[in-house]
């Protein structure tokens, strides 16, 4: 019997089995690493933009923001939404120049612009010319807008001096109710004041 035990194969002994198993695991690990390096196995993460969640306090990259926002409904800020409506068309029905003894006004442009849901803005670009050697005031106080017959002061804050024998451009703005039906531009300084009719088309 002792002779039979001594003749057992080395692979059938406990140390032999442990050594053989370790060698097999080592070979298998090396084989798997080789397959991973050549790309046969590994992560299934698709190629393309790397969209990662930013850490707290870290800004998201612009490309990632664009990709994450793709297909999402676009919203309009409340301030923009309130002024996106259409505004009426306003034109000067009378002459584009009006002259007084020592000065004159030329109306270069007139335009209605959105302001709030209840108001639009009437914007006028005016050129004031002094015909004497003395300067002249060019300011809001010289203009009024008759809205359905009611005089309204401008809110542009224009207050400059046009030097003698020279000209200067300025902008005058009026707040106008969205439901206004008639407009006239009144120029003060003469006696009586001069009213210029405006055409208002909603």
C-alpha atoms as a PDB file:
ATOM      1  CA  UNK A   1       0.000   0.000   0.000  1.00  0.00           C
ATOM      2  CA  UNK A   2       2.719   2.594   0.784  1.00  0.00           C
ATOM      3  CA  UNK A   3       4.327   1.849  -2.567  1.00  0.00           C
ATOM      4  CA  UNK A   4       0.991   2.471  -4.342  1.00  0.00           C
ATOM      5  CA  UNK A   5       0.586   5.891  -2.624  1.00  0.00           C
ATOM      6  CA  UNK A   6       4.064   6.940  -3.628  1.00  0.00           C
ATOM      7  CA  UNK A   7       3.318   6.092  -7.250  1.00  0.00           C
ATOM      8  CA  UNK A   8       0.297   8.474  -7.409  1.00  0.00           C
ATOM      9  CA  UNK A   9       0.640  11.162 -10.050  1.00  0.00           C
ATOM     10  CA  UNK A  10       1.991  14.552  -8.872  1.00  0.00           C
ATOM     11  CA  UNK A  11      -1.221  16.230 -10.236  1.00  0.00           C
ATOM     12  CA  UNK A  12      -3.321  14.161  -7.810  1.00  0.00           C
ATOM     13  CA  UNK A  13      -1.612  15.578  -4.707  1.00  0.00           C
ATOM     14  CA  UNK A  14      -3.006  18.652  -2.886  1.00  0.00           C
ATOM     15  CA  UNK A  15       0.085  20.814  -3.477  1.00  0.00           C
ATOM     16  CA  UNK A  16       0.035  19.850  -7.112  1.00  0.00           C
ATOM     17  CA  UNK A  17      -3.617  20.748  -7.528  1.00  0.00           C
ATOM     18  CA  UNK A  18      -3.129  24.187  -5.884  1.00  0.00           C
ATOM     19  CA  UNK A  19      -0.076  24.959  -8.003  1.00  0.00           C
ATOM     20  CA  UNK A  20      -1.779  23.900 -11.206  1.00  0.00           C
ATOM     21  CA  UNK A  21      -4.892  25.977 -10.436  1.00  0.00           C
ATOM     22  CA  UNK A  22      -2.794  29.097  -9.755  1.00  0.00           C
ATOM     23  CA  UNK A  23      -0.915  28.628 -13.023  1.00  0.00           C
ATOM     24  CA  UNK A  24      -4.198  28.254 -14.929  1.00  0.00           C
ATOM     25  CA  UNK A  25      -5.683  31.436 -13.375  1.00  0.00           C
ATOM     26  CA  UNK A  26      -2.512  33.399 -14.181  1.00  0.00           C
ATOM     27  CA  UNK A  27      -2.631  32.299 -17.806  1.00  0.00           C
ATOM     28  CA  UNK A  28      -6.363  33.111 -18.089  1.00  0.00           C
ATOM     29  CA  UNK A  29      -5.875  36.592 -16.587  1.00  0.00           C
ATOM     30  CA  UNK A  30      -3.082  37.380 -19.015  1.00  0.00           C
ATOM     31  CA  UNK A  31      -5.228  36.187 -21.918  1.00  0.00           C
ATOM     32  CA  UNK A  32      -8.160  38.425 -20.887  1.00  0.00           C
ATOM     33  CA  UNK A  33      -5.875  41.457 -20.493  1.00  0.00           C
ATOM     34  CA  UNK A  34      -4.508  40.883 -23.966  1.00  0.00           C
ATOM     35  CA  UNK A  35      -8.031  40.725 -25.439  1.00  0.00           C
ATOM     36  CA  UNK A  36      -8.959  43.970 -23.641  1.00  0.00           C
ATOM     37  CA  UNK A  37      -5.919  45.817 -24.994  1.00  0.00           C
ATOM     38  CA  UNK A  38      -6.670  44.904 -28.602  1.00  0.00           C
ATOM     39  CA  UNK A  39     -10.312  45.912 -28.215  1.00  0.00           C
ATOM     40  CA  UNK A  40     -12.084  42.579 -28.376  1.00  0.00           C
ATOM     41  CA  UNK A  41     -13.565  43.122 -24.952  1.00  0.00           C
ATOM     42  CA  UNK A  42     -13.981  46.191 -22.739  1.00  0.00           C
ATOM     43  CA  UNK A  43     -16.317  49.103 -22.048  1.00  0.00           C
ATOM     44  CA  UNK A  44     -19.429  49.430 -24.197  1.00  0.00           C
ATOM     45  CA  UNK A  45     -19.479  53.257 -23.850  1.00  0.00           C
ATOM     46  CA  UNK A  46     -20.277  54.729 -27.286  1.00  0.00           C
ATOM     47  CA  UNK A  47     -17.909  57.139 -28.971  1.00  0.00           C
ATOM     48  CA  UNK A  48     -18.915  60.791 -29.340  1.00  0.00           C
ATOM     49  CA  UNK A  49     -19.528  63.695 -26.962  1.00  0.00           C
ATOM     50  CA  UNK A  50     -18.489  62.993 -23.414  1.00  0.00           C
ATOM     51  CA  UNK A  51     -21.532  64.187 -21.469  1.00  0.00           C
ATOM     52  CA  UNK A  52     -20.628  64.040 -17.820  1.00  0.00           C
ATOM     53  CA  UNK A  53     -22.581  65.447 -14.911  1.00  0.00           C
ATOM     54  CA  UNK A  54     -20.722  68.501 -13.564  1.00  0.00           C
ATOM     55  CA  UNK A  55     -19.582  68.571  -9.987  1.00  0.00           C
ATOM     56  CA  UNK A  56     -21.186  70.980  -7.554  1.00  0.00           C
ATOM     57  CA  UNK A  57     -20.132  74.498  -8.521  1.00  0.00           C
ATOM     58  CA  UNK A  58     -18.712  73.359 -11.865  1.00  0.00           C
ATOM     59  CA  UNK A  59     -20.219  74.844 -15.015  1.00  0.00           C
ATOM     60  CA  UNK A  60     -21.433  72.481 -17.697  1.00  0.00           C
ATOM     61  CA  UNK A  61     -19.516  72.684 -21.021  1.00  0.00           C
ATOM     62  CA  UNK A  62     -21.338  74.568 -23.768  1.00  0.00           C
ATOM     63  CA  UNK A  63     -21.298  71.517 -26.066  1.00  0.00           C
ATOM     64  CA  UNK A  64     -22.881  69.394 -23.377  1.00  0.00           C
ATOM     65  CA  UNK A  65     -25.519  72.028 -22.704  1.00  0.00           C
ATOM     66  CA  UNK A  66     -26.393  72.117 -26.404  1.00  0.00           C
ATOM     67  CA  UNK A  67     -26.619  68.329 -26.597  1.00  0.00           C
ATOM     68  CA  UNK A  68     -28.680  68.020 -23.421  1.00  0.00           C
ATOM     69  CA  UNK A  69     -31.010  70.784 -24.571  1.00  0.00           C
ATOM     70  CA  UNK A  70     -31.554  69.279 -28.026  1.00  0.00           C
ATOM     71  CA  UNK A  71     -35.214  68.559 -28.585  1.00  0.00           C
ATOM     72  CA  UNK A  72     -36.315  70.412 -25.430  1.00  0.00           C
ATOM     73  CA  UNK A  73     -39.061  73.036 -25.864  1.00  0.00           C
ATOM     74  CA  UNK A  74     -37.731  76.555 -26.179  1.00  0.00           C
ATOM     75  CA  UNK A  75     -39.132  79.173 -23.792  1.00  0.00           C
ATOM     76  CA  UNK A  76     -39.263  82.933 -24.182  1.00  0.00           C
ATOM     77  CA  UNK A  77     -38.393  85.158 -21.212  1.00  0.00           C
ATOM     78  CA  UNK A  78     -41.380  86.959 -19.766  1.00  0.00           C
ATOM     79  CA  UNK A  79     -39.898  90.372 -20.612  1.00  0.00           C
ATOM     80  CA  UNK A  80     -39.425  89.386 -24.261  1.00  0.00           C
ATOM     81  CA  UNK A  81     -42.821  87.676 -24.453  1.00  0.00           C
ATOM     82  CA  UNK A  82     -44.544  90.828 -23.250  1.00  0.00           C
ATOM     83  CA  UNK A  83     -43.094  92.933 -26.091  1.00  0.00           C
ATOM     84  CA  UNK A  84     -43.192  90.419 -28.949  1.00  0.00           C
ATOM     85  CA  UNK A  85     -46.649  91.545 -30.133  1.00  0.00           C
ATOM     86  CA  UNK A  86     -47.084  93.624 -33.280  1.00  0.00           C
ATOM     87  CA  UNK A  87     -47.184  97.404 -33.026  1.00  0.00           C
ATOM     88  CA  UNK A  88     -49.094  99.862 -35.219  1.00  0.00           C
ATOM     89  CA  UNK A  89     -47.538 101.721 -38.080  1.00  0.00           C
ATOM     90  CA  UNK A  90     -47.174 105.482 -37.573  1.00  0.00           C
ATOM     91  CA  UNK A  91     -46.319 107.960 -40.320  1.00  0.00           C
ATOM     92  CA  UNK A  92     -46.037 111.737 -40.504  1.00  0.00           C
ATOM     93  CA  UNK A  93     -49.001 112.997 -42.525  1.00  0.00           C
ATOM     94  CA  UNK A  94     -47.788 116.600 -42.732  1.00  0.00           C
ATOM     95  CA  UNK A  95     -44.512 118.223 -43.819  1.00  0.00           C
ATOM     96  CA  UNK A  96     -41.199 116.736 -42.711  1.00  0.00           C
ATOM     97  CA  UNK A  97     -39.774 120.179 -41.892  1.00  0.00           C
ATOM     98  CA  UNK A  98     -41.200 123.027 -39.910  1.00  0.00           C
ATOM     99  CA  UNK A  99     -39.528 126.437 -39.632  1.00  0.00           C
ATOM    100  CA  UNK A 100     -39.810 129.204 -37.091  1.00  0.00           C
ATOM    101  CA  UNK A 101     -38.162 132.625 -37.035  1.00  0.00           C
ATOM    102  CA  UNK A 102     -34.808 131.600 -35.605  1.00  0.00           C
ATOM    103  CA  UNK A 103     -34.797 127.803 -35.844  1.00  0.00           C
ATOM    104  CA  UNK A 104     -36.289 124.824 -37.574  1.00  0.00           C
ATOM    105  CA  UNK A 105     -36.989 121.115 -37.013  1.00  0.00           C
ATOM    106  CA  UNK A 106     -36.548 118.351 -39.568  1.00  0.00           C
ATOM    107  CA  UNK A 107     -38.119 114.941 -38.897  1.00  0.00           C
ATOM    108  CA  UNK A 108     -35.590 112.324 -39.985  1.00  0.00           C
ATOM    109  CA  UNK A 109     -37.419 109.178 -38.847  1.00  0.00           C
ATOM    110  CA  UNK A 110     -40.561 108.121 -37.006  1.00  0.00           C
ATOM    111  CA  UNK A 111     -41.246 104.613 -35.733  1.00  0.00           C
ATOM    112  CA  UNK A 112     -43.545 102.748 -33.343  1.00  0.00           C
ATOM    113  CA  UNK A 113     -41.693 100.268 -31.135  1.00  0.00           C
ATOM    114  CA  UNK A 114     -42.962  97.668 -28.640  1.00  0.00           C
ATOM    115  CA  UNK A 115     -42.667  98.575 -24.972  1.00  0.00           C
ATOM    116  CA  UNK A 116     -45.205  96.721 -22.773  1.00  0.00           C
ATOM    117  CA  UNK A 117     -48.424  94.811 -23.478  1.00  0.00           C
ATOM    118  CA  UNK A 118     -50.406  97.981 -22.667  1.00  0.00           C
ATOM    119  CA  UNK A 119     -48.081 100.545 -24.306  1.00  0.00           C
ATOM    120  CA  UNK A 120     -46.015 101.049 -27.404  1.00  0.00           C
ATOM    121  CA  UNK A 121     -43.322 103.703 -27.876  1.00  0.00           C
ATOM    122  CA  UNK A 122     -43.391 106.400 -30.497  1.00  0.00           C
ATOM    123  CA  UNK A 123     -39.784 107.194 -31.403  1.00  0.00           C
ATOM    124  CA  UNK A 124     -38.849 110.279 -33.417  1.00  0.00           C
ATOM    125  CA  UNK A 125     -35.412 111.298 -34.650  1.00  0.00           C
ATOM    126  CA  UNK A 126     -35.368 115.067 -35.104  1.00  0.00           C
ATOM    127  CA  UNK A 127     -32.738 117.496 -36.341  1.00  0.00           C
ATOM    128  CA  UNK A 128     -32.814 120.937 -34.738  1.00  0.00           C
ATOM    129  CA  UNK A 129     -31.101 123.822 -36.550  1.00  0.00           C
ATOM    130  CA  UNK A 130     -30.309 127.231 -35.109  1.00  0.00           C
ATOM    131  CA  UNK A 131     -30.469 129.966 -37.754  1.00  0.00           C
ATOM    132  CA  UNK A 132     -28.889 132.686 -35.609  1.00  0.00           C
ATOM    133  CA  UNK A 133     -25.617 133.160 -33.809  1.00  0.00           C
ATOM    134  CA  UNK A 134     -27.337 132.289 -30.563  1.00  0.00           C
ATOM    135  CA  UNK A 135     -27.807 128.803 -29.210  1.00  0.00           C
ATOM    136  CA  UNK A 136     -31.196 127.164 -28.741  1.00  0.00           C
ATOM    137  CA  UNK A 137     -32.615 124.644 -26.311  1.00  0.00           C
ATOM    138  CA  UNK A 138     -33.369 121.271 -27.847  1.00  0.00           C
ATOM    139  CA  UNK A 139     -35.368 119.319 -25.282  1.00  0.00           C
ATOM    140  CA  UNK A 140     -38.445 117.315 -24.389  1.00  0.00           C
ATOM    141  CA  UNK A 141     -40.223 120.468 -23.183  1.00  0.00           C
ATOM    142  CA  UNK A 142     -40.729 121.636 -26.788  1.00  0.00           C
ATOM    143  CA  UNK A 143     -42.827 118.622 -27.824  1.00  0.00           C
ATOM    144  CA  UNK A 144     -46.138 117.026 -26.891  1.00  0.00           C
ATOM    145  CA  UNK A 145     -48.060 114.127 -28.396  1.00  0.00           C
ATOM    146  CA  UNK A 146     -51.839 114.446 -28.591  1.00  0.00           C
ATOM    147  CA  UNK A 147     -53.200 110.945 -27.954  1.00  0.00           C
ATOM    148  CA  UNK A 148     -56.908 110.952 -28.829  1.00  0.00           C
ATOM    149  CA  UNK A 149     -56.766 114.708 -28.207  1.00  0.00           C
ATOM    150  CA  UNK A 150     -55.037 114.478 -24.812  1.00  0.00           C
ATOM    151  CA  UNK A 151     -51.509 116.024 -24.625  1.00  0.00           C
ATOM    152  CA  UNK A 152     -48.788 113.630 -23.407  1.00  0.00           C
ATOM    153  CA  UNK A 153     -45.239 114.608 -22.432  1.00  0.00           C
ATOM    154  CA  UNK A 154     -42.245 112.699 -23.826  1.00  0.00           C
ATOM    155  CA  UNK A 155     -40.103 110.547 -21.524  1.00  0.00           C
ATOM    156  CA  UNK A 156     -36.863 110.574 -23.529  1.00  0.00           C
ATOM    157  CA  UNK A 157     -35.066 113.032 -21.244  1.00  0.00           C
ATOM    158  CA  UNK A 158     -33.611 115.035 -24.140  1.00  0.00           C
ATOM    159  CA  UNK A 159     -32.088 118.328 -22.908  1.00  0.00           C
ATOM    160  CA  UNK A 160     -29.201 119.725 -24.984  1.00  0.00           C
ATOM    161  CA  UNK A 161     -28.141 123.046 -26.501  1.00  0.00           C
ATOM    162  CA  UNK A 162     -27.736 123.544 -30.234  1.00  0.00           C
ATOM    163  CA  UNK A 163     -24.966 126.064 -30.788  1.00  0.00           C
ATOM    164  CA  UNK A 164     -25.618 129.106 -32.984  1.00  0.00           C
ATOM    165  CA  UNK A 165     -25.683 128.544 -36.756  1.00  0.00           C
ATOM    166  CA  UNK A 166     -25.399 124.771 -36.310  1.00  0.00           C
ATOM    167  CA  UNK A 167     -27.578 121.658 -36.196  1.00  0.00           C
ATOM    168  CA  UNK A 168     -27.905 118.716 -33.853  1.00  0.00           C
ATOM    169  CA  UNK A 169     -29.859 115.445 -33.968  1.00  0.00           C
ATOM    170  CA  UNK A 170     -31.881 114.160 -31.031  1.00  0.00           C
ATOM    171  CA  UNK A 171     -34.331 111.381 -30.143  1.00  0.00           C
ATOM    172  CA  UNK A 172     -37.773 112.008 -28.665  1.00  0.00           C
ATOM    173  CA  UNK A 173     -39.886 109.132 -27.297  1.00  0.00           C
ATOM    174  CA  UNK A 174     -43.514 109.029 -26.133  1.00  0.00           C
ATOM    175  CA  UNK A 175     -45.386 106.261 -24.309  1.00  0.00           C
ATOM    176  CA  UNK A 176     -48.607 105.538 -26.213  1.00  0.00           C
ATOM    177  CA  UNK A 177     -51.520 103.328 -25.121  1.00  0.00           C
ATOM    178  CA  UNK A 178     -51.866 100.282 -27.357  1.00  0.00           C
ATOM    179  CA  UNK A 179     -55.519 101.139 -28.044  1.00  0.00           C
ATOM    180  CA  UNK A 180     -54.870 104.746 -29.139  1.00  0.00           C
ATOM    181  CA  UNK A 181     -57.011 105.803 -32.105  1.00  0.00           C
ATOM    182  CA  UNK A 182     -55.461 109.124 -33.199  1.00  0.00           C
ATOM    183  CA  UNK A 183     -52.118 110.899 -32.793  1.00  0.00           C
ATOM    184  CA  UNK A 184     -50.849 114.432 -33.427  1.00  0.00           C
ATOM    185  CA  UNK A 185     -47.419 115.887 -32.740  1.00  0.00           C
ATOM    186  CA  UNK A 186     -47.523 119.313 -31.085  1.00  0.00           C
ATOM    187  CA  UNK A 187     -44.502 121.648 -31.264  1.00  0.00           C
ATOM    188  CA  UNK A 188     -44.436 124.336 -28.588  1.00  0.00           C
ATOM    189  CA  UNK A 189     -42.628 127.641 -28.775  1.00  0.00           C
ATOM    190  CA  UNK A 190     -44.829 129.402 -31.286  1.00  0.00           C
ATOM    191  CA  UNK A 191     -48.075 131.196 -30.575  1.00  0.00           C
ATOM    192  CA  UNK A 192     -50.211 129.271 -31.158  1.00  0.00           C
ATOM    193  CA  UNK A 193     -48.434 125.871 -31.029  1.00  0.00           C
ATOM    194  CA  UNK A 194     -48.034 123.935 -34.266  1.00  0.00           C
ATOM    195  CA  UNK A 195     -49.804 120.557 -34.569  1.00  0.00           C
ATOM    196  CA  UNK A 196     -48.623 117.993 -37.106  1.00  0.00           C
ATOM    197  CA  UNK A 197     -51.051 115.149 -37.916  1.00  0.00           C
ATOM    198  CA  UNK A 198     -49.827 111.539 -37.762  1.00  0.00           C
ATOM    199  CA  UNK A 199     -51.287 108.557 -39.560  1.00  0.00           C
ATOM    200  CA  UNK A 200     -51.926 105.620 -37.199  1.00  0.00           C
ATOM    201  CA  UNK A 201     -52.605 102.168 -38.655  1.00  0.00           C
ATOM    202  CA  UNK A 202     -53.215  99.225 -36.314  1.00  0.00           C
END
